[in-house]
Amino acid sequence: MARRIKKLYPALKHGAYSASRLLPGEDPVAFEELRQNLIAYYEPNGPLQEYTVLDIVRTIWRKENLQTFRIAEAARRRYSAIRAQMIPSASPALQHLEYLRDDWIPPTAAAIETATEAAEARAREELGENYKFVELGDLATPAQLLAELQVEERLDARIDKLLKRYAILKTFDALNSRSSTELRIPGPKKAA
């Protein structure tokens, strides 16, 4: 690729876009409504319960909006087709090598640059709002979603293990403090 895409959406630049969270074109108001409804339904108490409800919200949201991945894939395919059609190759295709004559001249860097700019302009025009999926690259793919979910599952398993350890330690502390104050075994009385 001769030139990188200059404009990045602020959320993409700062890592806010993720396959398991809100993607471009999805309705943030509807997401917030789902979040509020589930918070009202589950009535979480404390940060861990709130975090768990948010995980439930994100999972339901992603399940209800799987078509976003299909839109993203279609946009990326169309973008690739436009580039293949408009940008000349710097080397001949392998299937045409036997027909290649000595007078074949590869396109200049300027011709490739001009064709790339024209292809980008055409892709932006044709794809409209869906061009943002081209800019996101592989972030809006089912494979990326699965990869993120695997990482989240491993982190959740680790959190669960630590919470169990914490509960055991708290129980042990509670038993230990109760036994030292409440369960004193009287010893022999001292003689006067």
N, C-alpha and C. Protein backbone atom coordinates (compact mmCIF):
# COMPACT_ATOMS: atom_id res chain seq x y z
N MET A 1 0.85 -1.16 0.00
CA MET A 1 0.00 0.00 0.00
C MET A 1 0.90 1.23 0.00
N ALA A 2 0.70 2.11 -0.94
CA ALA A 2 1.57 3.26 -1.08
C ALA A 2 1.33 4.30 0.01
N ARG A 3 0.13 4.36 0.54
CA ARG A 3 -0.20 5.43 1.47
C ARG A 3 -1.13 4.89 2.55
N ARG A 4 -0.90 5.31 3.79
CA ARG A 4 -1.77 4.90 4.89
C ARG A 4 -2.97 5.83 4.94
N ILE A 5 -4.06 5.34 5.46
CA ILE A 5 -5.26 6.15 5.61
C ILE A 5 -4.98 7.20 6.67
N LYS A 6 -5.18 8.47 6.32
CA LYS A 6 -4.82 9.56 7.23
C LYS A 6 -5.86 9.75 8.33
N LYS A 7 -7.14 9.69 8.00
CA LYS A 7 -8.18 9.98 8.98
C LYS A 7 -8.53 8.72 9.76
N LEU A 8 -8.41 8.80 11.08
CA LEU A 8 -8.85 7.71 11.94
C LEU A 8 -9.93 8.26 12.86
N TYR A 9 -10.94 7.47 13.07
CA TYR A 9 -11.98 7.87 14.00
C TYR A 9 -11.36 7.95 15.39
N PRO A 10 -11.74 8.96 16.19
CA PRO A 10 -11.12 9.14 17.51
C PRO A 10 -11.19 7.87 18.37
N ALA A 11 -12.32 7.17 18.34
CA ALA A 11 -12.44 5.96 19.16
C ALA A 11 -11.49 4.88 18.68
N LEU A 12 -11.24 4.82 17.38
CA LEU A 12 -10.30 3.84 16.85
C LEU A 12 -8.88 4.20 17.28
N LYS A 13 -8.56 5.49 17.21
CA LYS A 13 -7.23 5.95 17.57
C LYS A 13 -6.92 5.63 19.04
N HIS A 14 -7.92 5.70 19.90
CA HIS A 14 -7.72 5.47 21.32
C HIS A 14 -8.11 4.06 21.76
N GLY A 15 -8.40 3.17 20.82
CA GLY A 15 -8.66 1.78 21.16
C GLY A 15 -10.05 1.50 21.69
N ALA A 16 -10.99 2.41 21.51
CA ALA A 16 -12.32 2.20 22.06
C ALA A 16 -13.13 1.21 21.23
N TYR A 17 -12.83 1.09 19.94
CA TYR A 17 -13.55 0.12 19.13
C TYR A 17 -13.01 -1.26 19.41
N SER A 18 -13.92 -2.17 19.56
CA SER A 18 -13.56 -3.55 19.85
C SER A 18 -14.69 -4.41 19.33
N ALA A 19 -14.36 -5.60 18.86
CA ALA A 19 -15.39 -6.47 18.29
C ALA A 19 -16.44 -6.86 19.31
N SER A 20 -16.12 -6.81 20.59
CA SER A 20 -17.09 -7.21 21.60
C SER A 20 -17.85 -6.03 22.18
N ARG A 21 -17.59 -4.84 21.69
CA ARG A 21 -18.26 -3.65 22.19
C ARG A 21 -18.99 -2.94 21.05
N LEU A 22 -19.40 -1.72 21.27
CA LEU A 22 -20.14 -0.96 20.27
C LEU A 22 -19.26 -0.68 19.05
N LEU A 23 -19.77 -0.98 17.87
CA LEU A 23 -19.05 -0.76 16.63
C LEU A 23 -19.66 0.42 15.88
N PRO A 24 -18.93 0.99 14.93
CA PRO A 24 -19.48 2.10 14.15
C PRO A 24 -20.80 1.70 13.50
N GLY A 25 -21.73 2.63 13.48
CA GLY A 25 -23.02 2.39 12.86
C GLY A 25 -24.04 1.79 13.81
N GLU A 26 -23.59 1.32 14.97
CA GLU A 26 -24.53 0.78 15.96
C GLU A 26 -25.05 1.94 16.81
N ASP A 27 -26.26 1.78 17.30
CA ASP A 27 -26.97 2.86 17.98
C ASP A 27 -26.58 2.95 19.46
N PRO A 28 -25.82 3.98 19.84
CA PRO A 28 -25.41 4.10 21.24
C PRO A 28 -26.60 4.34 22.17
N VAL A 29 -27.66 4.98 21.66
CA VAL A 29 -28.85 5.21 22.49
C VAL A 29 -29.53 3.88 22.80
N ALA A 30 -29.64 3.01 21.81
CA ALA A 30 -30.24 1.68 22.03
C ALA A 30 -29.38 0.86 22.97
N PHE A 31 -28.06 0.97 22.85
CA PHE A 31 -27.16 0.26 23.76
C PHE A 31 -27.38 0.73 25.19
N GLU A 32 -27.45 2.04 25.37
CA GLU A 32 -27.64 2.61 26.71
C GLU A 32 -29.00 2.20 27.28
N GLU A 33 -30.01 2.13 26.43
CA GLU A 33 -31.33 1.70 26.88
C GLU A 33 -31.29 0.24 27.36
N LEU A 34 -30.61 -0.61 26.60
CA LEU A 34 -30.46 -2.01 27.01
C LEU A 34 -29.71 -2.08 28.34
N ARG A 35 -28.66 -1.30 28.47
CA ARG A 35 -27.87 -1.28 29.70
C ARG A 35 -28.72 -0.86 30.90
N GLN A 36 -29.47 0.21 30.73
CA GLN A 36 -30.33 0.70 31.82
C GLN A 36 -31.41 -0.32 32.19
N ASN A 37 -32.01 -0.96 31.17
CA ASN A 37 -33.04 -1.96 31.44
C ASN A 37 -32.49 -3.15 32.24
N LEU A 38 -31.29 -3.61 31.87
CA LEU A 38 -30.71 -4.75 32.58
C LEU A 38 -30.23 -4.37 33.97
N ILE A 39 -29.76 -3.15 34.13
CA ILE A 39 -29.38 -2.69 35.48
C ILE A 39 -30.62 -2.63 36.36
N ALA A 40 -31.73 -2.11 35.81
CA ALA A 40 -32.97 -2.05 36.58
C ALA A 40 -33.48 -3.46 36.92
N TYR A 41 -33.34 -4.38 35.98
CA TYR A 41 -33.83 -5.74 36.20
C TYR A 41 -32.99 -6.49 37.24
N TYR A 42 -31.67 -6.43 37.11
CA TYR A 42 -30.80 -7.20 37.99
C TYR A 42 -30.45 -6.49 39.29
N GLU A 43 -30.57 -5.17 39.32
CA GLU A 43 -30.27 -4.36 40.50
C GLU A 43 -28.91 -4.73 41.11
N PRO A 44 -27.83 -4.54 40.35
CA PRO A 44 -26.51 -4.92 40.87
C PRO A 44 -26.15 -4.10 42.11
N ASN A 45 -25.43 -4.75 43.01
CA ASN A 45 -25.01 -4.10 44.25
C ASN A 45 -23.49 -4.21 44.33
N GLY A 46 -22.81 -3.14 44.04
CA GLY A 46 -21.35 -3.13 44.11
C GLY A 46 -20.71 -3.27 42.74
N PRO A 47 -19.42 -2.96 42.66
CA PRO A 47 -18.73 -2.93 41.37
C PRO A 47 -18.64 -4.28 40.66
N LEU A 48 -18.47 -5.37 41.38
CA LEU A 48 -18.37 -6.67 40.71
C LEU A 48 -19.69 -7.07 40.07
N GLN A 49 -20.80 -6.83 40.75
CA GLN A 49 -22.10 -7.13 40.16
C GLN A 49 -22.38 -6.20 38.97
N GLU A 50 -22.00 -4.93 39.11
CA GLU A 50 -22.19 -3.98 38.00
C GLU A 50 -21.36 -4.42 36.78
N TYR A 51 -20.14 -4.85 37.01
CA TYR A 51 -19.26 -5.31 35.94
C TYR A 51 -19.87 -6.54 35.25
N THR A 52 -20.42 -7.44 36.03
CA THR A 52 -21.03 -8.65 35.47
C THR A 52 -22.26 -8.30 34.63
N VAL A 53 -23.07 -7.37 35.11
CA VAL A 53 -24.24 -6.94 34.33
C VAL A 53 -23.79 -6.28 33.04
N LEU A 54 -22.72 -5.49 33.07
CA LEU A 54 -22.20 -4.87 31.85
C LEU A 54 -21.72 -5.94 30.87
N ASP A 55 -21.09 -6.99 31.34
CA ASP A 55 -20.70 -8.10 30.47
C ASP A 55 -21.94 -8.74 29.82
N ILE A 56 -22.99 -8.90 30.58
CA ILE A 56 -24.24 -9.46 30.05
C ILE A 56 -24.80 -8.52 28.97
N VAL A 57 -24.79 -7.22 29.24
CA VAL A 57 -25.28 -6.23 28.27
C VAL A 57 -24.49 -6.33 26.97
N ARG A 58 -23.15 -6.34 27.07
CA ARG A 58 -22.32 -6.39 25.86
C ARG A 58 -22.55 -7.67 25.07
N THR A 59 -22.73 -8.78 25.78
CA THR A 59 -22.94 -10.06 25.09
C THR A 59 -24.29 -10.08 24.38
N ILE A 60 -25.32 -9.62 25.03
CA ILE A 60 -26.64 -9.55 24.39
C ILE A 60 -26.59 -8.60 23.20
N TRP A 61 -25.94 -7.46 23.39
CA TRP A 61 -25.84 -6.47 22.30
C TRP A 61 -25.14 -7.06 21.09
N ARG A 62 -24.03 -7.74 21.31
CA ARG A 62 -23.27 -8.32 20.19
C ARG A 62 -24.10 -9.37 19.48
N LYS A 63 -24.82 -10.20 20.26
CA LYS A 63 -25.66 -11.23 19.67
C LYS A 63 -26.77 -10.61 18.81
N GLU A 64 -27.37 -9.53 19.30
CA GLU A 64 -28.45 -8.87 18.56
C GLU A 64 -27.94 -8.08 17.36
N ASN A 65 -26.65 -7.79 17.30
CA ASN A 65 -26.10 -6.95 16.23
C ASN A 65 -25.03 -7.67 15.42
N LEU A 66 -25.18 -8.96 15.25
CA LEU A 66 -24.21 -9.71 14.44
C LEU A 66 -24.18 -9.25 12.99
N GLN A 67 -25.27 -8.65 12.51
CA GLN A 67 -25.29 -8.19 11.12
C GLN A 67 -24.24 -7.11 10.87
N THR A 68 -23.78 -6.45 11.91
CA THR A 68 -22.72 -5.46 11.74
C THR A 68 -21.48 -6.10 11.13
N PHE A 69 -21.17 -7.34 11.53
CA PHE A 69 -20.01 -8.04 10.97
C PHE A 69 -20.22 -8.34 9.49
N ARG A 70 -21.45 -8.67 9.11
CA ARG A 70 -21.73 -8.93 7.69
C ARG A 70 -21.59 -7.65 6.87
N ILE A 71 -22.06 -6.55 7.41
CA ILE A 71 -21.92 -5.25 6.73
C ILE A 71 -20.44 -4.91 6.59
N ALA A 72 -19.68 -5.12 7.66
CA ALA A 72 -18.25 -4.82 7.63
C ALA A 72 -17.53 -5.68 6.60
N GLU A 73 -17.86 -6.96 6.55
CA GLU A 73 -17.22 -7.87 5.60
C GLU A 73 -17.55 -7.47 4.16
N ALA A 74 -18.81 -7.12 3.91
CA ALA A 74 -19.21 -6.69 2.56
C ALA A 74 -18.47 -5.41 2.17
N ALA A 75 -18.31 -4.49 3.10
CA ALA A 75 -17.59 -3.24 2.81
C ALA A 75 -16.13 -3.52 2.49
N ARG A 76 -15.50 -4.41 3.25
CA ARG A 76 -14.09 -4.73 2.99
C ARG A 76 -13.93 -5.45 1.65
N ARG A 77 -14.86 -6.33 1.31
CA ARG A 77 -14.78 -7.03 0.02
C ARG A 77 -14.93 -6.03 -1.13
N ARG A 78 -15.89 -5.11 -1.02
CA ARG A 78 -16.09 -4.12 -2.09
C ARG A 78 -14.86 -3.22 -2.20
N TYR A 79 -14.30 -2.83 -1.08
CA TYR A 79 -13.10 -2.00 -1.08
C TYR A 79 -11.96 -2.72 -1.81
N SER A 80 -11.75 -3.98 -1.51
CA SER A 80 -10.70 -4.76 -2.18
C SER A 80 -10.96 -4.87 -3.68
N ALA A 81 -12.22 -5.05 -4.06
CA ALA A 81 -12.56 -5.15 -5.48
C ALA A 81 -12.28 -3.84 -6.21
N ILE A 82 -12.62 -2.73 -5.59
CA ILE A 82 -12.35 -1.40 -6.19
C ILE A 82 -10.85 -1.21 -6.39
N ARG A 83 -10.07 -1.54 -5.37
CA ARG A 83 -8.61 -1.38 -5.47
C ARG A 83 -8.04 -2.29 -6.55
N ALA A 84 -8.51 -3.54 -6.60
CA ALA A 84 -8.00 -4.48 -7.61
C ALA A 84 -8.34 -4.01 -9.02
N GLN A 85 -9.49 -3.41 -9.16
CA GLN A 85 -9.94 -2.95 -10.48
C GLN A 85 -9.20 -1.68 -10.92
N MET A 86 -8.90 -0.79 -9.99
CA MET A 86 -8.40 0.53 -10.36
C MET A 86 -6.88 0.70 -10.24
N ILE A 87 -6.23 -0.05 -9.40
CA ILE A 87 -4.81 0.16 -9.16
C ILE A 87 -4.01 -0.85 -9.99
N PRO A 88 -3.15 -0.36 -10.88
CA PRO A 88 -2.37 -1.28 -11.71
C PRO A 88 -1.32 -2.01 -10.87
N SER A 89 -1.05 -3.22 -11.26
CA SER A 89 -0.05 -4.01 -10.55
C SER A 89 1.34 -3.61 -11.02
N ALA A 90 2.27 -3.60 -10.08
CA ALA A 90 3.65 -3.25 -10.42
C ALA A 90 4.36 -4.43 -11.09
N SER A 91 3.75 -5.61 -11.03
CA SER A 91 4.33 -6.78 -11.70
C SER A 91 3.21 -7.51 -12.43
N PRO A 92 3.54 -8.18 -13.53
CA PRO A 92 2.50 -8.88 -14.28
C PRO A 92 1.96 -10.07 -13.48
N ALA A 93 0.70 -10.38 -13.72
CA ALA A 93 0.09 -11.53 -13.07
C ALA A 93 0.79 -12.80 -13.54
N LEU A 94 0.95 -13.76 -12.65
CA LEU A 94 1.67 -14.99 -12.98
C LEU A 94 1.05 -15.74 -14.15
N GLN A 95 -0.28 -15.75 -14.24
CA GLN A 95 -0.91 -16.50 -15.33
C GLN A 95 -0.65 -15.86 -16.70
N HIS A 96 -0.18 -14.61 -16.74
CA HIS A 96 0.08 -13.94 -18.00
C HIS A 96 1.56 -13.90 -18.36
N LEU A 97 2.41 -14.49 -17.56
CA LEU A 97 3.84 -14.43 -17.81
C LEU A 97 4.23 -15.07 -19.14
N GLU A 98 3.57 -16.16 -19.54
CA GLU A 98 3.94 -16.81 -20.80
C GLU A 98 3.60 -15.94 -22.00
N TYR A 99 2.65 -15.03 -21.83
CA TYR A 99 2.28 -14.14 -22.93
C TYR A 99 3.01 -12.81 -22.84
N LEU A 100 3.81 -12.64 -21.83
CA LEU A 100 4.50 -11.38 -21.60
C LEU A 100 5.53 -11.15 -22.70
N ARG A 101 5.44 -9.98 -23.24
CA ARG A 101 6.41 -9.63 -24.28
C ARG A 101 7.48 -8.73 -23.67
N ASP A 102 8.51 -8.56 -24.42
CA ASP A 102 9.63 -7.75 -23.95
C ASP A 102 9.28 -6.27 -23.82
N ASP A 103 8.17 -5.85 -24.43
CA ASP A 103 7.84 -4.43 -24.41
C ASP A 103 6.92 -4.05 -23.24
N TRP A 104 6.64 -4.98 -22.30
CA TRP A 104 5.80 -4.64 -21.14
C TRP A 104 6.55 -3.71 -20.23
N ILE A 105 5.90 -2.63 -19.84
CA ILE A 105 6.51 -1.64 -18.97
C ILE A 105 5.65 -1.53 -17.70
N PRO A 106 6.26 -1.71 -16.57
CA PRO A 106 5.48 -1.60 -15.33
C PRO A 106 5.02 -0.15 -15.12
N PRO A 107 3.90 0.03 -14.42
CA PRO A 107 3.42 1.40 -14.18
C PRO A 107 4.38 2.15 -13.27
N THR A 108 4.41 3.45 -13.41
CA THR A 108 5.30 4.27 -12.58
C THR A 108 4.70 4.41 -11.18
N ALA A 109 5.53 4.80 -10.26
CA ALA A 109 5.07 5.03 -8.89
C ALA A 109 4.01 6.13 -8.88
N ALA A 110 4.17 7.14 -9.72
CA ALA A 110 3.19 8.22 -9.79
C ALA A 110 1.85 7.71 -10.31
N ALA A 111 1.88 6.80 -11.29
CA ALA A 111 0.63 6.23 -11.82
C ALA A 111 -0.07 5.39 -10.76
N ILE A 112 0.71 4.64 -10.00
CA ILE A 112 0.12 3.83 -8.92
C ILE A 112 -0.46 4.73 -7.84
N GLU A 113 0.26 5.79 -7.50
CA GLU A 113 -0.22 6.75 -6.48
C GLU A 113 -1.52 7.41 -6.93
N THR A 114 -1.58 7.83 -8.18
CA THR A 114 -2.79 8.47 -8.71
C THR A 114 -3.96 7.49 -8.71
N ALA A 115 -3.70 6.25 -9.12
CA ALA A 115 -4.75 5.23 -9.15
C ALA A 115 -5.21 4.89 -7.73
N THR A 116 -4.28 4.86 -6.79
CA THR A 116 -4.63 4.58 -5.39
C THR A 116 -5.53 5.66 -4.83
N GLU A 117 -5.19 6.92 -5.10
CA GLU A 117 -6.03 8.03 -4.63
C GLU A 117 -7.41 7.98 -5.26
N ALA A 118 -7.48 7.65 -6.54
CA ALA A 118 -8.78 7.55 -7.22
C ALA A 118 -9.59 6.39 -6.64
N ALA A 119 -8.93 5.28 -6.35
CA ALA A 119 -9.62 4.12 -5.77
C ALA A 119 -10.14 4.46 -4.38
N GLU A 120 -9.33 5.15 -3.59
CA GLU A 120 -9.77 5.56 -2.25
C GLU A 120 -10.99 6.47 -2.34
N ALA A 121 -10.94 7.44 -3.24
CA ALA A 121 -12.07 8.37 -3.41
C ALA A 121 -13.33 7.61 -3.84
N ARG A 122 -13.16 6.69 -4.77
CA ARG A 122 -14.32 5.93 -5.25
C ARG A 122 -14.88 5.03 -4.13
N ALA A 123 -14.00 4.41 -3.37
CA ALA A 123 -14.44 3.55 -2.27
C ALA A 123 -15.18 4.37 -1.21
N ARG A 124 -14.66 5.53 -0.88
CA ARG A 124 -15.34 6.40 0.10
C ARG A 124 -16.72 6.79 -0.41
N GLU A 125 -16.80 7.11 -1.69
CA GLU A 125 -18.09 7.52 -2.27
C GLU A 125 -19.07 6.35 -2.30
N GLU A 126 -18.63 5.20 -2.79
CA GLU A 126 -19.52 4.04 -2.90
C GLU A 126 -19.94 3.49 -1.55
N LEU A 127 -19.00 3.41 -0.63
CA LEU A 127 -19.29 2.77 0.65
C LEU A 127 -19.95 3.71 1.65
N GLY A 128 -19.76 5.01 1.47
CA GLY A 128 -20.40 5.97 2.37
C GLY A 128 -20.03 5.71 3.82
N GLU A 129 -21.05 5.60 4.69
CA GLU A 129 -20.83 5.37 6.12
C GLU A 129 -20.12 4.04 6.40
N ASN A 130 -20.26 3.08 5.51
CA ASN A 130 -19.63 1.78 5.74
C ASN A 130 -18.12 1.80 5.49
N TYR A 131 -17.59 2.90 4.98
CA TYR A 131 -16.15 3.00 4.76
C TYR A 131 -15.39 2.89 6.09
N LYS A 132 -16.04 3.27 7.18
CA LYS A 132 -15.36 3.19 8.48
C LYS A 132 -14.95 1.76 8.82
N PHE A 133 -15.66 0.76 8.27
CA PHE A 133 -15.27 -0.63 8.51
C PHE A 133 -13.97 -0.98 7.79
N VAL A 134 -13.72 -0.31 6.67
CA VAL A 134 -12.44 -0.49 5.97
C VAL A 134 -11.32 0.05 6.86
N GLU A 135 -11.57 1.21 7.47
CA GLU A 135 -10.57 1.82 8.35
C GLU A 135 -10.32 0.97 9.60
N LEU A 136 -11.34 0.29 10.06
CA LEU A 136 -11.18 -0.56 11.24
C LEU A 136 -10.36 -1.82 10.95
N GLY A 137 -10.30 -2.21 9.69
CA GLY A 137 -9.54 -3.40 9.33
C GLY A 137 -10.16 -4.65 9.93
N ASP A 138 -9.35 -5.43 10.62
CA ASP A 138 -9.80 -6.72 11.16
C ASP A 138 -10.52 -6.61 12.51
N LEU A 139 -10.68 -5.40 13.04
CA LEU A 139 -11.34 -5.27 14.34
C LEU A 139 -12.80 -5.70 14.31
N ALA A 140 -13.47 -5.51 13.20
CA ALA A 140 -14.90 -5.85 13.10
C ALA A 140 -15.07 -7.15 12.33
N THR A 141 -14.48 -8.22 12.85
CA THR A 141 -14.62 -9.53 12.21
C THR A 141 -15.02 -10.55 13.27
N PRO A 142 -15.73 -11.59 12.86
CA PRO A 142 -16.05 -12.65 13.82
C PRO A 142 -14.80 -13.27 14.45
N ALA A 143 -13.73 -13.40 13.68
CA ALA A 143 -12.49 -13.97 14.22
C ALA A 143 -11.95 -13.09 15.35
N GLN A 144 -12.00 -11.78 15.17
CA GLN A 144 -11.53 -10.88 16.22
C GLN A 144 -12.43 -10.96 17.45
N LEU A 145 -13.74 -11.06 17.23
CA LEU A 145 -14.68 -11.21 18.34
C LEU A 145 -14.35 -12.47 19.14
N LEU A 146 -14.14 -13.58 18.44
CA LEU A 146 -13.82 -14.83 19.13
C LEU A 146 -12.50 -14.73 19.89
N ALA A 147 -11.52 -14.08 19.30
CA ALA A 147 -10.23 -13.91 19.97
C ALA A 147 -10.40 -13.08 21.25
N GLU A 148 -11.17 -12.00 21.15
CA GLU A 148 -11.41 -11.17 22.34
C GLU A 148 -12.17 -11.94 23.40
N LEU A 149 -13.16 -12.72 22.98
CA LEU A 149 -13.94 -13.49 23.95
C LEU A 149 -13.07 -14.53 24.65
N GLN A 150 -12.14 -15.14 23.92
CA GLN A 150 -11.23 -16.10 24.55
C GLN A 150 -10.38 -15.44 25.63
N VAL A 151 -9.87 -14.26 25.33
CA VAL A 151 -9.06 -13.54 26.31
C VAL A 151 -9.94 -13.16 27.51
N GLU A 152 -11.15 -12.66 27.24
CA GLU A 152 -12.05 -12.28 28.33
C GLU A 152 -12.40 -13.48 29.20
N GLU A 153 -12.63 -14.64 28.57
CA GLU A 153 -12.95 -15.84 29.34
C GLU A 153 -11.79 -16.24 30.25
N ARG A 154 -10.58 -16.12 29.75
CA ARG A 154 -9.42 -16.46 30.58
C ARG A 154 -9.27 -15.48 31.73
N LEU A 155 -9.48 -14.20 31.45
CA LEU A 155 -9.41 -13.21 32.53
C LEU A 155 -10.53 -13.42 33.54
N ASP A 156 -11.74 -13.74 33.05
CA ASP A 156 -12.86 -14.01 33.96
C ASP A 156 -12.56 -15.22 34.84
N ALA A 157 -11.97 -16.25 34.27
CA ALA A 157 -11.62 -17.44 35.06
C ALA A 157 -10.61 -17.07 36.15
N ARG A 158 -9.66 -16.21 35.80
CA ARG A 158 -8.67 -15.76 36.78
C ARG A 158 -9.34 -14.94 37.88
N ILE A 159 -10.25 -14.04 37.50
CA ILE A 159 -10.98 -13.24 38.49
C ILE A 159 -11.79 -14.16 39.40
N ASP A 160 -12.48 -15.14 38.81
CA ASP A 160 -13.26 -16.09 39.61
C ASP A 160 -12.38 -16.81 40.63
N LYS A 161 -11.22 -17.25 40.19
CA LYS A 161 -10.29 -17.95 41.08
C LYS A 161 -9.85 -17.04 42.22
N LEU A 162 -9.56 -15.78 41.90
CA LEU A 162 -9.12 -14.84 42.93
C LEU A 162 -10.26 -14.51 43.89
N LEU A 163 -11.48 -14.41 43.38
CA LEU A 163 -12.63 -14.15 44.25
C LEU A 163 -12.86 -15.32 45.21
N LYS A 164 -12.69 -16.54 44.72
CA LYS A 164 -12.82 -17.71 45.60
C LYS A 164 -11.75 -17.66 46.70
N ARG A 165 -10.52 -17.34 46.30
CA ARG A 165 -9.45 -17.23 47.28
C ARG A 165 -9.76 -16.15 48.31
N TYR A 166 -10.23 -15.03 47.83
CA TYR A 166 -10.59 -13.92 48.72
C TYR A 166 -11.68 -14.34 49.71
N ALA A 167 -12.71 -15.04 49.22
CA ALA A 167 -13.81 -15.49 50.08
C ALA A 167 -13.29 -16.47 51.14
N ILE A 168 -12.40 -17.35 50.74
CA ILE A 168 -11.82 -18.30 51.70
C ILE A 168 -11.03 -17.55 52.77
N LEU A 169 -10.21 -16.58 52.35
CA LEU A 169 -9.40 -15.82 53.31
C LEU A 169 -10.28 -15.01 54.26
N LYS A 170 -11.34 -14.40 53.72
CA LYS A 170 -12.27 -13.64 54.57
C LYS A 170 -12.94 -14.55 55.58
N THR A 171 -13.36 -15.73 55.13
CA THR A 171 -14.00 -16.69 56.03
C THR A 171 -13.01 -17.15 57.10
N PHE A 172 -11.80 -17.44 56.68
CA PHE A 172 -10.76 -17.86 57.63
C PHE A 172 -10.51 -16.76 58.66
N ASP A 173 -10.38 -15.51 58.21
CA ASP A 173 -10.17 -14.39 59.13
C ASP A 173 -11.33 -14.26 60.11
N ALA A 174 -12.55 -14.39 59.59
CA ALA A 174 -13.73 -14.26 60.46
C ALA A 174 -13.74 -15.37 61.50
N LEU A 175 -13.44 -16.59 61.09
CA LEU A 175 -13.40 -17.70 62.03
C LEU A 175 -12.26 -17.53 63.04
N ASN A 176 -11.14 -17.06 62.55
CA ASN A 176 -9.97 -16.88 63.40
C ASN A 176 -10.22 -15.80 64.45
N SER A 177 -10.81 -14.69 64.08
CA SER A 177 -11.06 -13.62 65.05
C SER A 177 -12.15 -14.03 66.03
N ARG A 178 -13.14 -14.77 65.58
CA ARG A 178 -14.22 -15.23 66.45
C ARG A 178 -13.67 -16.26 67.43
N SER A 179 -12.83 -17.14 66.98
CA SER A 179 -12.32 -18.19 67.86
C SER A 179 -11.38 -17.62 68.92
N SER A 180 -10.67 -16.56 68.61
CA SER A 180 -9.73 -16.01 69.59
C SER A 180 -10.45 -15.18 70.65
N THR A 181 -11.64 -14.66 70.36
CA THR A 181 -12.35 -13.85 71.35
C THR A 181 -13.48 -14.61 72.02
N GLU A 182 -14.16 -15.46 71.32
CA GLU A 182 -15.35 -16.11 71.85
C GLU A 182 -15.08 -17.50 72.39
N LEU A 183 -14.11 -18.16 71.91
CA LEU A 183 -13.91 -19.55 72.28
C LEU A 183 -12.70 -19.73 73.21
N ARG A 184 -12.57 -18.88 74.21
CA ARG A 184 -11.44 -19.03 75.15
C ARG A 184 -11.68 -20.23 76.04
N ILE A 185 -10.69 -21.01 76.14
CA ILE A 185 -10.76 -22.20 76.99
C ILE A 185 -10.14 -21.79 78.34
N PRO A 186 -10.95 -21.88 79.36
CA PRO A 186 -10.39 -21.47 80.67
C PRO A 186 -9.32 -22.45 81.13
N GLY A 187 -8.28 -21.91 81.68
CA GLY A 187 -7.19 -22.73 82.20
C GLY A 187 -7.37 -22.98 83.70
N PRO A 188 -6.44 -23.63 84.34
CA PRO A 188 -6.56 -23.86 85.79
C PRO A 188 -6.45 -22.54 86.54
N LYS A 189 -7.21 -22.48 87.63
CA LYS A 189 -7.19 -21.27 88.45
C LYS A 189 -5.92 -21.25 89.26
N LYS A 190 -5.39 -20.05 89.40
CA LYS A 190 -4.17 -19.87 90.17
C LYS A 190 -4.49 -19.90 91.67
N ALA A 191 -3.64 -20.49 92.41
CA ALA A 191 -3.83 -20.55 93.87
C ALA A 191 -3.48 -19.20 94.48
N ALA A 192 -4.23 -18.84 95.46
CA ALA A 192 -4.02 -17.56 96.12
C ALA A 192 -2.92 -17.60 97.08
